[in-house]
Amino acid sequence: MTDRARHDKLNQMVEYRDEPLDALYGALSHPVRRELIDRLQPRGATVTQLARPFEMSLAAVSKHIGILEGAGLLTRTIHGREHHLALEPRSLLPAAEWLDTYRRFWETRLDLLDARIRDSRR
């Protein structure tokens, strides 16, 4: 492979992004957003109810909510002036599946290591 071909392949790898997964992990990366998700289980809540325990403005909480919605983690239902939010748990599946590939990888490796250690003790 030529230097140019290697360079082009590396650029493709660096520039490749799984946009939905990026948005999902980006949304989950902030502790306030993770707490908002926790507070939505099991029945959901209004925006005002979600914002109440945080020491930040309603506008700041709304920005966090917008990021969660953009990642597909929340659904919003509007009744008059009240906005009710609910967790959309199926949207977490891509992240869980991606992590699961690494869980299986490490479990296999650790099982092999355990077997070698047991064999060496015999």
PDB file of N, CA and C in Angstrom:
ATOM      1  N   MET A   1       0.852  -1.172   0.000  1.00  0.00           N
ATOM      2  CA  MET A   1       0.000   0.000   0.000  1.00  0.00           C
ATOM      3  C   MET A   1       0.901   1.240   0.000  1.00  0.00           C
ATOM      4  N   THR A   2       0.570   2.187  -0.829  1.00  0.00           N
ATOM      5  CA  THR A   2       1.379   3.405  -0.914  1.00  0.00           C
ATOM      6  C   THR A   2       1.114   4.301   0.281  1.00  0.00           C
ATOM      7  N   ASP A   3       2.023   5.243   0.491  1.00  0.00           N
ATOM      8  CA  ASP A   3       1.838   6.206   1.582  1.00  0.00           C
ATOM      9  C   ASP A   3       0.539   6.988   1.398  1.00  0.00           C
ATOM     10  N   ARG A   4       0.252   7.349   0.163  1.00  0.00           N
ATOM     11  CA  ARG A   4      -0.969   8.107  -0.133  1.00  0.00           C
ATOM     12  C   ARG A   4      -2.214   7.283   0.203  1.00  0.00           C
ATOM     13  N   ALA A   5      -2.217   6.011  -0.169  1.00  0.00           N
ATOM     14  CA  ALA A   5      -3.358   5.131   0.113  1.00  0.00           C
ATOM     15  C   ALA A   5      -3.545   4.959   1.619  1.00  0.00           C
ATOM     16  N   ARG A   6      -2.425   4.784   2.345  1.00  0.00           N
ATOM     17  CA  ARG A   6      -2.496   4.677   3.806  1.00  0.00           C
ATOM     18  C   ARG A   6      -3.070   5.952   4.407  1.00  0.00           C
ATOM     19  N   HIS A   7      -2.606   7.084   3.904  1.00  0.00           N
ATOM     20  CA  HIS A   7      -3.074   8.387   4.389  1.00  0.00           C
ATOM     21  C   HIS A   7      -4.578   8.538   4.150  1.00  0.00           C
ATOM     22  N   ASP A   8      -5.046   8.177   2.941  1.00  0.00           N
ATOM     23  CA  ASP A   8      -6.466   8.289   2.622  1.00  0.00           C
ATOM     24  C   ASP A   8      -7.306   7.371   3.504  1.00  0.00           C
ATOM     25  N   LYS A   9      -6.830   6.151   3.730  1.00  0.00           N
ATOM     26  CA  LYS A   9      -7.563   5.205   4.572  1.00  0.00           C
ATOM     27  C   LYS A   9      -7.656   5.723   6.008  1.00  0.00           C
ATOM     28  N   LEU A  10      -6.545   6.262   6.528  1.00  0.00           N
ATOM     29  CA  LEU A  10      -6.537   6.817   7.876  1.00  0.00           C
ATOM     30  C   LEU A  10      -7.513   7.983   7.979  1.00  0.00           C
ATOM     31  N   ASN A  11      -7.538   8.850   6.974  1.00  0.00           N
ATOM     32  CA  ASN A  11      -8.466   9.970   6.984  1.00  0.00           C
ATOM     33  C   ASN A  11      -9.910   9.500   6.994  1.00  0.00           C
ATOM     34  N   GLN A  12     -10.224   8.443   6.236  1.00  0.00           N
ATOM     35  CA  GLN A  12     -11.580   7.898   6.241  1.00  0.00           C
ATOM     36  C   GLN A  12     -11.940   7.414   7.638  1.00  0.00           C
ATOM     37  N   MET A  13     -11.020   6.754   8.299  1.00  0.00           N
ATOM     38  CA  MET A  13     -11.292   6.224   9.638  1.00  0.00           C
ATOM     39  C   MET A  13     -11.508   7.361  10.624  1.00  0.00           C
ATOM     40  N   VAL A  14     -10.693   8.411  10.535  1.00  0.00           N
ATOM     41  CA  VAL A  14     -10.800   9.530  11.464  1.00  0.00           C
ATOM     42  C   VAL A  14     -12.074  10.322  11.206  1.00  0.00           C
ATOM     43  N   GLU A  15     -12.431  10.490   9.932  1.00  0.00           N
ATOM     44  CA  GLU A  15     -13.576  11.309   9.593  1.00  0.00           C
ATOM     45  C   GLU A  15     -14.902  10.565   9.727  1.00  0.00           C
ATOM     46  N   TYR A  16     -14.868   9.239   9.787  1.00  0.00           N
ATOM     47  CA  TYR A  16     -16.100   8.469   9.929  1.00  0.00           C
ATOM     48  C   TYR A  16     -16.714   8.746  11.295  1.00  0.00           C
ATOM     49  N   ARG A  17     -17.992   8.994  11.296  1.00  0.00           N
ATOM     50  CA  ARG A  17     -18.697   9.201  12.549  1.00  0.00           C
ATOM     51  C   ARG A  17     -20.050   8.523  12.469  1.00  0.00           C
ATOM     52  N   ASP A  18     -20.422   7.892  13.527  1.00  0.00           N
ATOM     53  CA  ASP A  18     -21.759   7.326  13.629  1.00  0.00           C
ATOM     54  C   ASP A  18     -22.600   8.387  14.328  1.00  0.00           C
ATOM     55  N   GLU A  19     -23.194   9.268  13.558  1.00  0.00           N
ATOM     56  CA  GLU A  19     -23.877  10.442  14.093  1.00  0.00           C
ATOM     57  C   GLU A  19     -24.887  10.120  15.210  1.00  0.00           C
ATOM     58  N   PRO A  20     -25.808   9.156  15.033  1.00  0.00           N
ATOM     59  CA  PRO A  20     -26.753   8.887  16.117  1.00  0.00           C
ATOM     60  C   PRO A  20     -26.057   8.429  17.401  1.00  0.00           C
ATOM     61  N   LEU A  21     -25.055   7.586  17.268  1.00  0.00           N
ATOM     62  CA  LEU A  21     -24.338   7.119  18.451  1.00  0.00           C
ATOM     63  C   LEU A  21     -23.551   8.267  19.086  1.00  0.00           C
ATOM     64  N   ASP A  22     -22.975   9.134  18.267  1.00  0.00           N
ATOM     65  CA  ASP A  22     -22.272  10.304  18.787  1.00  0.00           C
ATOM     66  C   ASP A  22     -23.227  11.193  19.579  1.00  0.00           C
ATOM     67  N   ALA A  23     -24.416  11.434  19.024  1.00  0.00           N
ATOM     68  CA  ALA A  23     -25.408  12.271  19.705  1.00  0.00           C
ATOM     69  C   ALA A  23     -25.849  11.627  21.012  1.00  0.00           C
ATOM     70  N   LEU A  24     -26.031  10.329  20.984  1.00  0.00           N
ATOM     71  CA  LEU A  24     -26.462   9.608  22.177  1.00  0.00           C
ATOM     72  C   LEU A  24     -25.422   9.701  23.287  1.00  0.00           C
ATOM     73  N   TYR A  25     -24.170   9.361  22.960  1.00  0.00           N
ATOM     74  CA  TYR A  25     -23.127   9.444  23.982  1.00  0.00           C
ATOM     75  C   TYR A  25     -22.849  10.883  24.404  1.00  0.00           C
ATOM     76  N   GLY A  26     -22.976  11.817  23.464  1.00  0.00           N
ATOM     77  CA  GLY A  26     -22.825  13.228  23.824  1.00  0.00           C
ATOM     78  C   GLY A  26     -23.891  13.655  24.821  1.00  0.00           C
ATOM     79  N   ALA A  27     -25.118  13.219  24.585  1.00  0.00           N
ATOM     80  CA  ALA A  27     -26.215  13.558  25.499  1.00  0.00           C
ATOM     81  C   ALA A  27     -26.006  12.930  26.872  1.00  0.00           C
ATOM     82  N   LEU A  28     -25.479  11.714  26.900  1.00  0.00           N
ATOM     83  CA  LEU A  28     -25.268  11.014  28.175  1.00  0.00           C
ATOM     84  C   LEU A  28     -24.005  11.472  28.904  1.00  0.00           C
ATOM     85  N   SER A  29     -23.185  12.274  28.258  1.00  0.00           N
ATOM     86  CA  SER A  29     -21.887  12.635  28.829  1.00  0.00           C
ATOM     87  C   SER A  29     -21.981  13.641  29.972  1.00  0.00           C
ATOM     88  N   HIS A  30     -23.096  14.313  30.114  1.00  0.00           N
ATOM     89  CA  HIS A  30     -23.211  15.354  31.139  1.00  0.00           C
ATOM     90  C   HIS A  30     -24.000  14.822  32.340  1.00  0.00           C
ATOM     91  N   PRO A  31     -23.489  15.053  33.557  1.00  0.00           N
ATOM     92  CA  PRO A  31     -24.173  14.510  34.742  1.00  0.00           C
ATOM     93  C   PRO A  31     -25.593  15.047  34.940  1.00  0.00           C
ATOM     94  N   VAL A  32     -25.855  16.287  34.578  1.00  0.00           N
ATOM     95  CA  VAL A  32     -27.214  16.823  34.718  1.00  0.00           C
ATOM     96  C   VAL A  32     -28.166  16.059  33.805  1.00  0.00           C
ATOM     97  N   ARG A  33     -27.733  15.784  32.585  1.00  0.00           N
ATOM     98  CA  ARG A  33     -28.614  15.058  31.661  1.00  0.00           C
ATOM     99  C   ARG A  33     -28.849  13.630  32.118  1.00  0.00           C
ATOM    100  N   ARG A  34     -27.826  12.998  32.681  1.00  0.00           N
ATOM    101  CA  ARG A  34     -28.040  11.639  33.217  1.00  0.00           C
ATOM    102  C   ARG A  34     -29.025  11.683  34.383  1.00  0.00           C
ATOM    103  N   GLU A  35     -28.931  12.705  35.214  1.00  0.00           N
ATOM    104  CA  GLU A  35     -29.878  12.823  36.331  1.00  0.00           C
ATOM    105  C   GLU A  35     -31.290  13.100  35.822  1.00  0.00           C
ATOM    106  N   LEU A  36     -31.416  13.906  34.785  1.00  0.00           N
ATOM    107  CA  LEU A  36     -32.736  14.144  34.198  1.00  0.00           C
ATOM    108  C   LEU A  36     -33.342  12.831  33.716  1.00  0.00           C
ATOM    109  N   ILE A  37     -32.539  12.021  33.062  1.00  0.00           N
ATOM    110  CA  ILE A  37     -33.023  10.715  32.589  1.00  0.00           C
ATOM    111  C   ILE A  37     -33.461   9.851  33.767  1.00  0.00           C
ATOM    112  N   ASP A  38     -32.654   9.846  34.829  1.00  0.00           N
ATOM    113  CA  ASP A  38     -33.012   9.060  36.016  1.00  0.00           C
ATOM    114  C   ASP A  38     -34.337   9.534  36.608  1.00  0.00           C
ATOM    115  N   ARG A  39     -34.537  10.836  36.621  1.00  0.00           N
ATOM    116  CA  ARG A  39     -35.757  11.392  37.210  1.00  0.00           C
ATOM    117  C   ARG A  39     -37.000  11.127  36.351  1.00  0.00           C
ATOM    118  N   LEU A  40     -36.809  10.785  35.102  1.00  0.00           N
ATOM    119  CA  LEU A  40     -37.949  10.512  34.221  1.00  0.00           C
ATOM    120  C   LEU A  40     -38.485   9.094  34.367  1.00  0.00           C
ATOM    121  N   GLN A  41     -37.773   8.250  35.078  1.00  0.00           N
ATOM    122  CA  GLN A  41     -38.232   6.876  35.250  1.00  0.00           C
ATOM    123  C   GLN A  41     -39.167   6.812  36.448  1.00  0.00           C
ATOM    124  N   PRO A  42     -40.213   6.091  36.483  1.00  0.00           N
ATOM    125  CA  PRO A  42     -40.790   5.309  35.401  1.00  0.00           C
ATOM    126  C   PRO A  42     -41.895   6.048  34.651  1.00  0.00           C
ATOM    127  N   ARG A  43     -42.382   7.183  35.204  1.00  0.00           N
ATOM    128  CA  ARG A  43     -43.594   7.796  34.630  1.00  0.00           C
ATOM    129  C   ARG A  43     -43.369   9.069  33.832  1.00  0.00           C
ATOM    130  N   GLY A  44     -42.187   9.620  33.843  1.00  0.00           N
ATOM    131  CA  GLY A  44     -41.983  10.891  33.172  1.00  0.00           C
ATOM    132  C   GLY A  44     -42.287  12.046  34.115  1.00  0.00           C
ATOM    133  N   ALA A  45     -42.206  13.254  33.608  1.00  0.00           N
ATOM    134  CA  ALA A  45     -42.433  14.445  34.424  1.00  0.00           C
ATOM    135  C   ALA A  45     -42.622  15.644  33.509  1.00  0.00           C
ATOM    136  N   THR A  46     -43.101  16.725  34.091  1.00  0.00           N
ATOM    137  CA  THR A  46     -43.180  17.969  33.340  1.00  0.00           C
ATOM    138  C   THR A  46     -41.806  18.640  33.388  1.00  0.00           C
ATOM    139  N   VAL A  47     -41.609  19.594  32.494  1.00  0.00           N
ATOM    140  CA  VAL A  47     -40.345  20.322  32.470  1.00  0.00           C
ATOM    141  C   VAL A  47     -40.129  21.011  33.816  1.00  0.00           C
ATOM    142  N   THR A  48     -41.170  21.613  34.362  1.00  0.00           N
ATOM    143  CA  THR A  48     -41.061  22.306  35.649  1.00  0.00           C
ATOM    144  C   THR A  48     -40.684  21.346  36.766  1.00  0.00           C
ATOM    145  N   GLN A  49     -41.296  20.177  36.796  1.00  0.00           N
ATOM    146  CA  GLN A  49     -40.950  19.176  37.813  1.00  0.00           C
ATOM    147  C   GLN A  49     -39.494  18.740  37.683  1.00  0.00           C
ATOM    148  N   LEU A  50     -39.032  18.563  36.454  1.00  0.00           N
ATOM    149  CA  LEU A  50     -37.642  18.157  36.244  1.00  0.00           C
ATOM    150  C   LEU A  50     -36.672  19.241  36.699  1.00  0.00           C
ATOM    151  N   ALA A  51     -37.022  20.489  36.449  1.00  0.00           N
ATOM    152  CA  ALA A  51     -36.109  21.603  36.752  1.00  0.00           C
ATOM    153  C   ALA A  51     -36.033  21.917  38.236  1.00  0.00           C
ATOM    154  N   ARG A  52     -37.066  21.600  38.985  1.00  0.00           N
ATOM    155  CA  ARG A  52     -37.173  22.008  40.391  1.00  0.00           C
ATOM    156  C   ARG A  52     -35.931  21.698  41.242  1.00  0.00           C
ATOM    157  N   PRO A  53     -35.375  20.488  41.227  1.00  0.00           N
ATOM    158  CA  PRO A  53     -34.264  20.202  42.149  1.00  0.00           C
ATOM    159  C   PRO A  53     -32.907  20.791  41.726  1.00  0.00           C
ATOM    160  N   PHE A  54     -32.820  21.346  40.538  1.00  0.00           N
ATOM    161  CA  PHE A  54     -31.536  21.849  40.054  1.00  0.00           C
ATOM    162  C   PHE A  54     -31.360  23.320  40.408  1.00  0.00           C
ATOM    163  N   GLU A  55     -30.145  23.664  40.744  1.00  0.00           N
ATOM    164  CA  GLU A  55     -29.838  25.064  41.036  1.00  0.00           C
ATOM    165  C   GLU A  55     -29.379  25.761  39.763  1.00  0.00           C
ATOM    166  N   MET A  56     -30.286  25.786  38.793  1.00  0.00           N
ATOM    167  CA  MET A  56     -30.018  26.471  37.527  1.00  0.00           C
ATOM    168  C   MET A  56     -31.348  26.959  36.991  1.00  0.00           C
ATOM    169  N   SER A  57     -31.278  27.842  36.030  1.00  0.00           N
ATOM    170  CA  SER A  57     -32.498  28.428  35.474  1.00  0.00           C
ATOM    171  C   SER A  57     -33.289  27.388  34.682  1.00  0.00           C
ATOM    172  N   LEU A  58     -34.554  27.685  34.505  1.00  0.00           N
ATOM    173  CA  LEU A  58     -35.410  26.830  33.685  1.00  0.00           C
ATOM    174  C   LEU A  58     -34.880  26.794  32.247  1.00  0.00           C
ATOM    175  N   ALA A  59     -34.331  27.913  31.780  1.00  0.00           N
ATOM    176  CA  ALA A  59     -33.767  27.958  30.426  1.00  0.00           C
ATOM    177  C   ALA A  59     -32.575  27.004  30.297  1.00  0.00           C
ATOM    178  N   ALA A  60     -31.728  26.935  31.328  1.00  0.00           N
ATOM    179  CA  ALA A  60     -30.569  26.031  31.294  1.00  0.00           C
ATOM    180  C   ALA A  60     -31.022  24.577  31.281  1.00  0.00           C
ATOM    181  N   VAL A  61     -32.004  24.258  32.113  1.00  0.00           N
ATOM    182  CA  VAL A  61     -32.537  22.892  32.126  1.00  0.00           C
ATOM    183  C   VAL A  61     -33.177  22.574  30.779  1.00  0.00           C
ATOM    184  N   SER A  62     -33.861  23.536  30.203  1.00  0.00           N
ATOM    185  CA  SER A  62     -34.488  23.328  28.891  1.00  0.00           C
ATOM    186  C   SER A  62     -33.454  23.029  27.812  1.00  0.00           C
ATOM    187  N   LYS A  63     -32.282  23.657  27.903  1.00  0.00           N
ATOM    188  CA  LYS A  63     -31.213  23.359  26.933  1.00  0.00           C
ATOM    189  C   LYS A  63     -30.755  21.909  27.076  1.00  0.00           C
ATOM    190  N   HIS A  64     -30.604  21.445  28.316  1.00  0.00           N
ATOM    191  CA  HIS A  64     -30.230  20.044  28.538  1.00  0.00           C
ATOM    192  C   HIS A  64     -31.315  19.113  27.990  1.00  0.00           C
ATOM    193  N   ILE A  65     -32.560  19.472  28.231  1.00  0.00           N
ATOM    194  CA  ILE A  65     -33.678  18.665  27.734  1.00  0.00           C
ATOM    195  C   ILE A  65     -33.654  18.616  26.206  1.00  0.00           C
ATOM    196  N   GLY A  66     -33.353  19.751  25.577  1.00  0.00           N
ATOM    197  CA  GLY A  66     -33.271  19.795  24.117  1.00  0.00           C
ATOM    198  C   GLY A  66     -32.210  18.857  23.567  1.00  0.00           C
ATOM    199  N   ILE A  67     -31.080  18.762  24.256  1.00  0.00           N
ATOM    200  CA  ILE A  67     -30.019  17.847  23.828  1.00  0.00           C
ATOM    201  C   ILE A  67     -30.480  16.400  23.957  1.00  0.00           C
ATOM    202  N   LEU A  68     -31.167  16.095  25.052  1.00  0.00           N
ATOM    203  CA  LEU A  68     -31.693  14.744  25.241  1.00  0.00           C
ATOM    204  C   LEU A  68     -32.739  14.413  24.172  1.00  0.00           C
ATOM    205  N   GLU A  69     -33.582  15.382  23.848  1.00  0.00           N
ATOM    206  CA  GLU A  69     -34.577  15.174  22.792  1.00  0.00           C
ATOM    207  C   GLU A  69     -33.898  14.975  21.438  1.00  0.00           C
ATOM    208  N   GLY A  70     -32.876  15.771  21.163  1.00  0.00           N
ATOM    209  CA  GLY A  70     -32.157  15.663  19.900  1.00  0.00           C
ATOM    210  C   GLY A  70     -31.514  14.306  19.709  1.00  0.00           C
ATOM    211  N   ALA A  71     -31.135  13.677  20.815  1.00  0.00           N
ATOM    212  CA  ALA A  71     -30.534  12.344  20.755  1.00  0.00           C
ATOM    213  C   ALA A  71     -31.598  11.251  20.743  1.00  0.00           C
ATOM    214  N   GLY A  72     -32.869  11.645  20.801  1.00  0.00           N
ATOM    215  CA  GLY A  72     -33.956  10.669  20.755  1.00  0.00           C
ATOM    216  C   GLY A  72     -34.242  10.000  22.089  1.00  0.00           C
ATOM    217  N   LEU A  73     -33.715  10.560  23.172  1.00  0.00           N
ATOM    218  CA  LEU A  73     -33.890   9.936  24.485  1.00  0.00           C
ATOM    219  C   LEU A  73     -35.210  10.307  25.168  1.00  0.00           C
ATOM    220  N   LEU A  74     -35.849  11.370  24.695  1.00  0.00           N
ATOM    221  CA  LEU A  74     -37.086  11.831  25.318  1.00  0.00           C
ATOM    222  C   LEU A  74     -38.179  12.019  24.283  1.00  0.00           C
ATOM    223  N   THR A  75     -39.407  11.868  24.739  1.00  0.00           N
ATOM    224  CA  THR A  75     -40.560  12.277  23.949  1.00  0.00           C
ATOM    225  C   THR A  75     -41.285  13.364  24.738  1.00  0.00           C
ATOM    226  N   ARG A  76     -41.872  14.287  24.015  1.00  0.00           N
ATOM    227  CA  ARG A  76     -42.559  15.420  24.647  1.00  0.00           C
ATOM    228  C   ARG A  76     -44.014  15.421  24.201  1.00  0.00           C
ATOM    229  N   THR A  77     -44.901  15.580  25.173  1.00  0.00           N
ATOM    230  CA  THR A  77     -46.324  15.730  24.908  1.00  0.00           C
ATOM    231  C   THR A  77     -46.746  17.069  25.490  1.00  0.00           C
ATOM    232  N   ILE A  78     -47.450  17.864  24.704  1.00  0.00           N
ATOM    233  CA  ILE A  78     -47.851  19.193  25.161  1.00  0.00           C
ATOM    234  C   ILE A  78     -49.359  19.207  25.390  1.00  0.00           C
ATOM    235  N   HIS A  79     -49.741  19.591  26.610  1.00  0.00           N
ATOM    236  CA  HIS A  79     -51.147  19.765  26.984  1.00  0.00           C
ATOM    237  C   HIS A  79     -51.294  21.200  27.466  1.00  0.00           C
ATOM    238  N   GLY A  80     -51.819  22.057  26.606  1.00  0.00           N
ATOM    239  CA  GLY A  80     -51.927  23.467  26.959  1.00  0.00           C
ATOM    240  C   GLY A  80     -50.538  24.066  27.121  1.00  0.00           C
ATOM    241  N   ARG A  81     -50.254  24.586  28.322  1.00  0.00           N
ATOM    242  CA  ARG A  81     -48.942  25.172  28.585  1.00  0.00           C
ATOM    243  C   ARG A  81     -47.983  24.174  29.231  1.00  0.00           C
ATOM    244  N   GLU A  82     -48.470  23.002  29.522  1.00  0.00           N
ATOM    245  CA  GLU A  82     -47.656  22.006  30.228  1.00  0.00           C
ATOM    246  C   GLU A  82     -46.983  21.049  29.241  1.00  0.00           C
ATOM    247  N   HIS A  83     -45.665  20.924  29.390  1.00  0.00           N
ATOM    248  CA  HIS A  83     -44.884  20.014  28.544  1.00  0.00           C
ATOM    249  C   HIS A  83     -44.506  18.802  29.382  1.00  0.00           C
ATOM    250  N   HIS A  84     -45.000  17.651  29.001  1.00  0.00           N
ATOM    251  CA  HIS A  84     -44.721  16.413  29.729  1.00  0.00           C
ATOM    252  C   HIS A  84     -43.675  15.624  28.951  1.00  0.00           C
ATOM    253  N   LEU A  85     -42.635  15.206  29.659  1.00  0.00           N
ATOM    254  CA  LEU A  85     -41.531  14.469  29.042  1.00  0.00           C
ATOM    255  C   LEU A  85     -41.519  13.038  29.535  1.00  0.00           C
ATOM    256  N   ALA A  86     -41.163  12.132  28.640  1.00  0.00           N
ATOM    257  CA  ALA A  86     -41.047  10.718  28.998  1.00  0.00           C
ATOM    258  C   ALA A  86     -39.763  10.169  28.385  1.00  0.00           C
ATOM    259  N   LEU A  87     -39.182   9.221  29.079  1.00  0.00           N
ATOM    260  CA  LEU A  87     -37.980   8.553  28.588  1.00  0.00           C
ATOM    261  C   LEU A  87     -38.343   7.648  27.427  1.00  0.00           C
ATOM    262  N   GLU A  88     -37.499   7.645  26.411  1.00  0.00           N
ATOM    263  CA  GLU A  88     -37.650   6.750  25.260  1.00  0.00           C
ATOM    264  C   GLU A  88     -36.534   5.714  25.363  1.00  0.00           C
ATOM    265  N   PRO A  89     -36.736   4.639  26.158  1.00  0.00           N
ATOM    266  CA  PRO A  89     -35.647   3.698  26.456  1.00  0.00           C
ATOM    267  C   PRO A  89     -35.091   2.963  25.242  1.00  0.00           C
ATOM    268  N   ARG A  90     -35.897   2.779  24.200  1.00  0.00           N
ATOM    269  CA  ARG A  90     -35.391   2.080  23.008  1.00  0.00           C
ATOM    270  C   ARG A  90     -34.228   2.818  22.353  1.00  0.00           C
ATOM    271  N   SER A  91     -34.162   4.117  22.572  1.00  0.00           N
ATOM    272  CA  SER A  91     -33.078   4.886  21.957  1.00  0.00           C
ATOM    273  C   SER A  91     -31.726   4.570  22.590  1.00  0.00           C
ATOM    274  N   LEU A  92     -31.728   3.911  23.733  1.00  0.00           N
ATOM    275  CA  LEU A  92     -30.474   3.509  24.384  1.00  0.00           C
ATOM    276  C   LEU A  92     -29.901   2.220  23.799  1.00  0.00           C
ATOM    277  N   LEU A  93     -30.687   1.513  23.010  1.00  0.00           N
ATOM    278  CA  LEU A  93     -30.231   0.230  22.457  1.00  0.00           C
ATOM    279  C   LEU A  93     -28.935   0.314  21.648  1.00  0.00           C
ATOM    280  N   PRO A  94     -28.765   1.294  20.764  1.00  0.00           N
ATOM    281  CA  PRO A  94     -27.497   1.338  20.017  1.00  0.00           C
ATOM    282  C   PRO A  94     -26.270   1.453  20.929  1.00  0.00           C
ATOM    283  N   ALA A  95     -26.385   2.230  21.984  1.00  0.00           N
ATOM    284  CA  ALA A  95     -25.257   2.365  22.922  1.00  0.00           C
ATOM    285  C   ALA A  95     -25.024   1.055  23.658  1.00  0.00           C
ATOM    286  N   ALA A  96     -26.097   0.417  24.085  1.00  0.00           N
ATOM    287  CA  ALA A  96     -25.965  -0.854  24.795  1.00  0.00           C
ATOM    288  C   ALA A  96     -25.368  -1.922  23.885  1.00  0.00           C
ATOM    289  N   GLU A  97     -25.795  -1.953  22.634  1.00  0.00           N
ATOM    290  CA  GLU A  97     -25.263  -2.945  21.697  1.00  0.00           C
ATOM    291  C   GLU A  97     -23.785  -2.697  21.420  1.00  0.00           C
ATOM    292  N   TRP A  98     -23.407  -1.430  21.267  1.00  0.00           N
ATOM    293  CA  TRP A  98     -21.998  -1.104  21.020  1.00  0.00           C
ATOM    294  C   TRP A  98     -21.138  -1.524  22.206  1.00  0.00           C
ATOM    295  N   LEU A  99     -21.599  -1.221  23.414  1.00  0.00           N
ATOM    296  CA  LEU A  99     -20.857  -1.615  24.611  1.00  0.00           C
ATOM    297  C   LEU A  99     -20.829  -3.128  24.784  1.00  0.00           C
ATOM    298  N   ASP A 100     -21.906  -3.791  24.388  1.00  0.00           N
ATOM    299  CA  ASP A 100     -21.992  -5.238  24.554  1.00  0.00           C
ATOM    300  C   ASP A 100     -20.914  -5.973  23.762  1.00  0.00           C
ATOM    301  N   THR A 101     -20.525  -5.441  22.607  1.00  0.00           N
ATOM    302  CA  THR A 101     -19.461  -6.098  21.836  1.00  0.00           C
ATOM    303  C   THR A 101     -18.162  -6.109  22.630  1.00  0.00           C
ATOM    304  N   TYR A 102     -17.910  -5.056  23.373  1.00  0.00           N
ATOM    305  CA  TYR A 102     -16.692  -4.998  24.186  1.00  0.00           C
ATOM    306  C   TYR A 102     -16.820  -5.838  25.453  1.00  0.00           C
ATOM    307  N   ARG A 103     -18.023  -5.925  25.995  1.00  0.00           N
ATOM    308  CA  ARG A 103     -18.239  -6.791  27.156  1.00  0.00           C
ATOM    309  C   ARG A 103     -17.927  -8.231  26.785  1.00  0.00           C
ATOM    310  N   ARG A 104     -18.448  -8.679  25.646  1.00  0.00           N
ATOM    311  CA  ARG A 104     -18.194 -10.056  25.206  1.00  0.00           C
ATOM    312  C   ARG A 104     -16.710 -10.275  24.944  1.00  0.00           C
ATOM    313  N   PHE A 105     -16.046  -9.306  24.327  1.00  0.00           N
ATOM    314  CA  PHE A 105     -14.612  -9.390  24.060  1.00  0.00           C
ATOM    315  C   PHE A 105     -13.839  -9.592  25.364  1.00  0.00           C
ATOM    316  N   TRP A 106     -14.104  -8.746  26.360  1.00  0.00           N
ATOM    317  CA  TRP A 106     -13.349  -8.835  27.610  1.00  0.00           C
ATOM    318  C   TRP A 106     -13.730 -10.053  28.425  1.00  0.00           C
ATOM    319  N   GLU A 107     -14.989 -10.465  28.391  1.00  0.00           N
ATOM    320  CA  GLU A 107     -15.364 -11.687  29.114  1.00  0.00           C
ATOM    321  C   GLU A 107     -14.631 -12.892  28.553  1.00  0.00           C
ATOM    322  N   THR A 108     -14.526 -12.976  27.237  1.00  0.00           N
ATOM    323  CA  THR A 108     -13.800 -14.080  26.606  1.00  0.00           C
ATOM    324  C   THR A 108     -12.343 -14.053  27.032  1.00  0.00           C
ATOM    325  N   ARG A 109     -11.725 -12.877  26.981  1.00  0.00           N
ATOM    326  CA  ARG A 109     -10.308 -12.753  27.359  1.00  0.00           C
ATOM    327  C   ARG A 109     -10.101 -13.101  28.834  1.00  0.00           C
ATOM    328  N   LEU A 110     -10.982 -12.628  29.675  1.00  0.00           N
ATOM    329  CA  LEU A 110     -10.840 -12.904  31.113  1.00  0.00           C
ATOM    330  C   LEU A 110     -11.085 -14.378  31.425  1.00  0.00           C
ATOM    331  N   ASP A 111     -12.011 -15.007  30.705  1.00  0.00           N
ATOM    332  CA  ASP A 111     -12.232 -16.450  30.885  1.00  0.00           C
ATOM    333  C   ASP A 111     -10.983 -17.239  30.505  1.00  0.00           C
ATOM    334  N   LEU A 112     -10.327 -16.844  29.406  1.00  0.00           N
ATOM    335  CA  LEU A 112      -9.088 -17.511  28.998  1.00  0.00           C
ATOM    336  C   LEU A 112      -7.981 -17.310  30.032  1.00  0.00           C
ATOM    337  N   LEU A 113      -7.876 -16.103  30.543  1.00  0.00           N
ATOM    338  CA  LEU A 113      -6.876 -15.817  31.575  1.00  0.00           C
ATOM    339  C   LEU A 113      -7.154 -16.641  32.825  1.00  0.00           C
ATOM    340  N   ASP A 114      -8.396 -16.711  33.220  1.00  0.00           N
ATOM    341  CA  ASP A 114      -8.768 -17.503  34.391  1.00  0.00           C
ATOM    342  C   ASP A 114      -8.397 -18.978  34.195  1.00  0.00           C
ATOM    343  N   ALA A 115      -8.662 -19.511  33.007  1.00  0.00           N
ATOM    344  CA  ALA A 115      -8.331 -20.901  32.708  1.00  0.00           C
ATOM    345  C   ALA A 115      -6.816 -21.124  32.787  1.00  0.00           C
ATOM    346  N   ARG A 116      -6.050 -20.186  32.264  1.00  0.00           N
ATOM    347  CA  ARG A 116      -4.567 -20.320  32.323  1.00  0.00           C
ATOM    348  C   ARG A 116      -4.063 -20.274  33.762  1.00  0.00           C
ATOM    349  N   ILE A 117      -4.621 -19.389  34.542  1.00  0.00           N
ATOM    350  CA  ILE A 117      -4.207 -19.293  35.947  1.00  0.00           C
ATOM    351  C   ILE A 117      -4.535 -20.591  36.681  1.00  0.00           C
ATOM    352  N   ARG A 118      -5.724 -21.122  36.454  1.00  0.00           N
ATOM    353  CA  ARG A 118      -6.119 -22.394  37.090  1.00  0.00           C
ATOM    354  C   ARG A 118      -5.190 -23.529  36.662  1.00  0.00           C
ATOM    355  N   ASP A 119      -4.861 -23.558  35.358  1.00  0.00           N
ATOM    356  CA  ASP A 119      -3.959 -24.590  34.845  1.00  0.00           C
ATOM    357  C   ASP A 119      -2.572 -24.472  35.450  1.00  0.00           C
ATOM    358  N   SER A 120      -2.091 -23.251  35.610  1.00  0.00           N
ATOM    359  CA  SER A 120      -0.745 -23.063  36.154  1.00  0.00           C
ATOM    360  C   SER A 120      -0.664 -23.429  37.626  1.00  0.00           C
ATOM    361  N   ARG A 121      -1.783 -23.397  38.335  1.00  0.00           N
ATOM    362  CA  ARG A 121      -1.800 -23.744  39.758  1.00  0.00           C
ATOM    363  C   ARG A 121      -1.847 -25.253  39.983  1.00  0.00           C
ATOM    364  N   ARG A 122      -2.183 -25.988  38.942  1.00  0.00           N
ATOM    365  CA  ARG A 122      -2.292 -27.449  39.075  1.00  0.00           C
ATOM    366  C   ARG A 122      -0.961 -28.100  39.023  1.00  0.00           C
TER     367      ARG A 122
END
